[in-house]
Amino acid sequence: MYKMGVIGDKDSILGFKALGLSVFPVTQPEQAARLIHKLAKENYVILFVTESLAQDIKETIDRYGSQPFPIITLIPNNAGSMGLGMEGIKSNVEKAVGVDILFGERG
């Protein structure tokens, strides 16, 4: 059985529990990196990670970027978006189609 999880600060991720996702509150980047490795081995196919946490574990995020699973998607925390999640989506779309179809700029 495949699973989805959310990693970040408690205040930002608690609401995802109501949607049936597993939530993993962490406070330190090192905790998050270890947790991502652990969840990848436990059949988590989608992991949502708050942008503020992801900026400190970029190497871990990039490591899973070239693998089919888990898919790691960056989400804003309760303080707002830093733009990292949208930047990642834009980059992936550009790689797939060769053109920035989200914002109309040529790649």
C-alpha atoms as a PDB file:
ATOM      1  CA  MET A   1       0.000   0.000   0.000  1.00  0.00           C
ATOM      2  CA  TYR A   2       1.377   3.391  -0.990  1.00  0.00           C
ATOM      3  CA  LYS A   3       1.227   6.311   1.414  1.00  0.00           C
ATOM      4  CA  MET A   4       1.448  10.115   1.422  1.00  0.00           C
ATOM      5  CA  GLY A   5       2.982  12.229   4.148  1.00  0.00           C
ATOM      6  CA  VAL A   6       3.623  15.819   5.149  1.00  0.00           C
ATOM      7  CA  ILE A   7       6.804  17.012   6.861  1.00  0.00           C
ATOM      8  CA  GLY A   8       7.211  20.404   8.499  1.00  0.00           C
ATOM      9  CA  ASP A   9       6.512  22.454  11.569  1.00  0.00           C
ATOM     10  CA  LYS A  10       3.481  21.353  13.594  1.00  0.00           C
ATOM     11  CA  ASP A  11       1.399  24.481  13.014  1.00  0.00           C
ATOM     12  CA  SER A  12       1.793  24.252   9.239  1.00  0.00           C
ATOM     13  CA  ILE A  13       1.050  20.562   8.717  1.00  0.00           C
ATOM     14  CA  LEU A  14      -1.531  19.554  11.328  1.00  0.00           C
ATOM     15  CA  GLY A  15      -4.479  20.320   9.024  1.00  0.00           C
ATOM     16  CA  PHE A  16      -3.322  17.661   6.557  1.00  0.00           C
ATOM     17  CA  LYS A  17      -4.172  14.993   9.122  1.00  0.00           C
ATOM     18  CA  ALA A  18      -7.875  15.729   8.545  1.00  0.00           C
ATOM     19  CA  LEU A  19      -7.333  14.823   4.874  1.00  0.00           C
ATOM     20  CA  GLY A  20      -5.993  11.397   5.829  1.00  0.00           C
ATOM     21  CA  LEU A  21      -2.309  12.111   5.218  1.00  0.00           C
ATOM     22  CA  SER A  22       0.377  11.084   7.689  1.00  0.00           C
ATOM     23  CA  VAL A  23       1.904  14.128   9.360  1.00  0.00           C
ATOM     24  CA  PHE A  24       5.434  14.311  10.704  1.00  0.00           C
ATOM     25  CA  PRO A  25       6.186  17.438  12.734  1.00  0.00           C
ATOM     26  CA  VAL A  26       9.904  18.222  12.863  1.00  0.00           C
ATOM     27  CA  THR A  27      11.842  21.222  14.047  1.00  0.00           C
ATOM     28  CA  GLN A  28      15.367  20.559  12.782  1.00  0.00           C
ATOM     29  CA  PRO A  29      16.545  20.103   9.174  1.00  0.00           C
ATOM     30  CA  GLU A  30      18.616  17.060  10.173  1.00  0.00           C
ATOM     31  CA  GLN A  31      15.466  15.397  11.534  1.00  0.00           C
ATOM     32  CA  ALA A  32      13.670  16.070   8.261  1.00  0.00           C
ATOM     33  CA  ALA A  33      16.486  14.634   6.128  1.00  0.00           C
ATOM     34  CA  ARG A  34      16.604  11.423   8.195  1.00  0.00           C
ATOM     35  CA  LEU A  35      12.813  11.181   8.106  1.00  0.00           C
ATOM     36  CA  ILE A  36      12.699  11.522   4.308  1.00  0.00           C
ATOM     37  CA  HIS A  37      15.183   8.650   3.945  1.00  0.00           C
ATOM     38  CA  LYS A  38      13.149   6.534   6.369  1.00  0.00           C
ATOM     39  CA  LEU A  39       9.798   7.247   4.689  1.00  0.00           C
ATOM     40  CA  ALA A  40      11.240   6.525   1.244  1.00  0.00           C
ATOM     41  CA  LYS A  41      11.967   2.985   2.468  1.00  0.00           C
ATOM     42  CA  GLU A  42       8.443   2.654   3.907  1.00  0.00           C
ATOM     43  CA  ASN A  43       6.533   3.011   0.599  1.00  0.00           C
ATOM     44  CA  TYR A  44       5.709   6.709   0.901  1.00  0.00           C
ATOM     45  CA  VAL A  45       5.284   7.765  -2.714  1.00  0.00           C
ATOM     46  CA  ILE A  46       4.426  11.442  -2.140  1.00  0.00           C
ATOM     47  CA  LEU A  47       5.969  13.648   0.504  1.00  0.00           C
ATOM     48  CA  PHE A  48       4.970  17.262   1.008  1.00  0.00           C
ATOM     49  CA  VAL A  49       7.708  19.275   2.729  1.00  0.00           C
ATOM     50  CA  THR A  50       7.385  22.868   3.893  1.00  0.00           C
ATOM     51  CA  GLU A  51       9.523  25.304   1.893  1.00  0.00           C
ATOM     52  CA  SER A  52      11.213  26.748   4.984  1.00  0.00           C
ATOM     53  CA  LEU A  53      12.451  23.299   5.968  1.00  0.00           C
ATOM     54  CA  ALA A  54      13.315  22.236   2.416  1.00  0.00           C
ATOM     55  CA  GLN A  55      15.681  25.159   1.854  1.00  0.00           C
ATOM     56  CA  ASP A  56      17.956  23.708   4.553  1.00  0.00           C
ATOM     57  CA  ILE A  57      17.929  20.137   3.167  1.00  0.00           C
ATOM     58  CA  LYS A  58      18.291  20.880  -0.537  1.00  0.00           C
ATOM     59  CA  GLU A  59      20.818  18.067  -0.998  1.00  0.00           C
ATOM     60  CA  THR A  60      18.336  15.491   0.326  1.00  0.00           C
ATOM     61  CA  ILE A  61      15.511  16.892  -1.817  1.00  0.00           C
ATOM     62  CA  ASP A  62      17.732  16.842  -4.918  1.00  0.00           C
ATOM     63  CA  ARG A  63      18.769  13.246  -4.252  1.00  0.00           C
ATOM     64  CA  TYR A  64      15.175  12.054  -4.635  1.00  0.00           C
ATOM     65  CA  GLY A  65      14.541  14.334  -7.613  1.00  0.00           C
ATOM     66  CA  SER A  66      16.123  11.818  -9.965  1.00  0.00           C
ATOM     67  CA  GLN A  67      14.230   8.848  -8.543  1.00  0.00           C
ATOM     68  CA  PRO A  68      10.641   7.884  -9.341  1.00  0.00           C
ATOM     69  CA  PHE A  69       9.605   7.755  -5.659  1.00  0.00           C
ATOM     70  CA  PRO A  70       9.076   9.455  -3.383  1.00  0.00           C
ATOM     71  CA  ILE A  71       7.854  12.512  -5.207  1.00  0.00           C
ATOM     72  CA  ILE A  72       8.754  15.463  -2.988  1.00  0.00           C
ATOM     73  CA  THR A  73       6.596  18.542  -3.397  1.00  0.00           C
ATOM     74  CA  LEU A  74       7.360  21.769  -1.559  1.00  0.00           C
ATOM     75  CA  ILE A  75       4.483  23.596   0.103  1.00  0.00           C
ATOM     76  CA  PRO A  76       4.298  26.926   1.927  1.00  0.00           C
ATOM     77  CA  ASN A  77       4.248  26.957   5.699  1.00  0.00           C
ATOM     78  CA  ASN A  78       1.768  28.926   7.791  1.00  0.00           C
ATOM     79  CA  ALA A  79       3.896  32.091   7.361  1.00  0.00           C
ATOM     80  CA  GLY A  80       3.382  32.092   3.580  1.00  0.00           C
ATOM     81  CA  SER A  81       5.109  31.041   0.407  1.00  0.00           C
ATOM     82  CA  MET A  82       8.778  31.554  -0.348  1.00  0.00           C
ATOM     83  CA  GLY A  83       8.219  30.665  -4.015  1.00  0.00           C
ATOM     84  CA  LEU A  84      10.382  27.523  -3.881  1.00  0.00           C
ATOM     85  CA  GLY A  85       7.505  25.128  -4.585  1.00  0.00           C
ATOM     86  CA  MET A  86       6.351  27.004  -7.667  1.00  0.00           C
ATOM     87  CA  GLU A  87       9.934  27.337  -8.872  1.00  0.00           C
ATOM     88  CA  GLY A  88      10.347  23.548  -8.677  1.00  0.00           C
ATOM     89  CA  ILE A  89       7.111  22.906 -10.551  1.00  0.00           C
ATOM     90  CA  LYS A  90       8.061  25.439 -13.227  1.00  0.00           C
ATOM     91  CA  SER A  91      11.468  23.806 -13.674  1.00  0.00           C
ATOM     92  CA  ASN A  92       9.946  20.333 -14.040  1.00  0.00           C
ATOM     93  CA  VAL A  93       7.388  21.529 -16.597  1.00  0.00           C
ATOM     94  CA  GLU A  94      10.139  23.245 -18.613  1.00  0.00           C
ATOM     95  CA  LYS A  95      12.173  20.028 -18.631  1.00  0.00           C
ATOM     96  CA  ALA A  96       9.161  18.021 -19.782  1.00  0.00           C
ATOM     97  CA  VAL A  97       7.943  20.289 -22.604  1.00  0.00           C
ATOM     98  CA  GLY A  98      10.927  22.552 -23.332  1.00  0.00           C
ATOM     99  CA  VAL A  99       8.963  25.763 -22.836  1.00  0.00           C
ATOM    100  CA  ASP A 100       7.658  27.610 -19.810  1.00  0.00           C
ATOM    101  CA  ILE A 101       3.918  27.080 -20.327  1.00  0.00           C
ATOM    102  CA  LEU A 102       3.102  28.291 -16.808  1.00  0.00           C
ATOM    103  CA  PHE A 103       4.389  31.841 -17.167  1.00  0.00           C
ATOM    104  CA  GLY A 104       4.838  32.168 -20.932  1.00  0.00           C
ATOM    105  CA  GLU A 105       8.625  32.603 -20.969  1.00  0.00           C
ATOM    106  CA  ARG A 106      10.756  30.618 -23.399  1.00  0.00           C
ATOM    107  CA  GLY A 107      13.273  28.188 -21.839  1.00  0.00           C
END
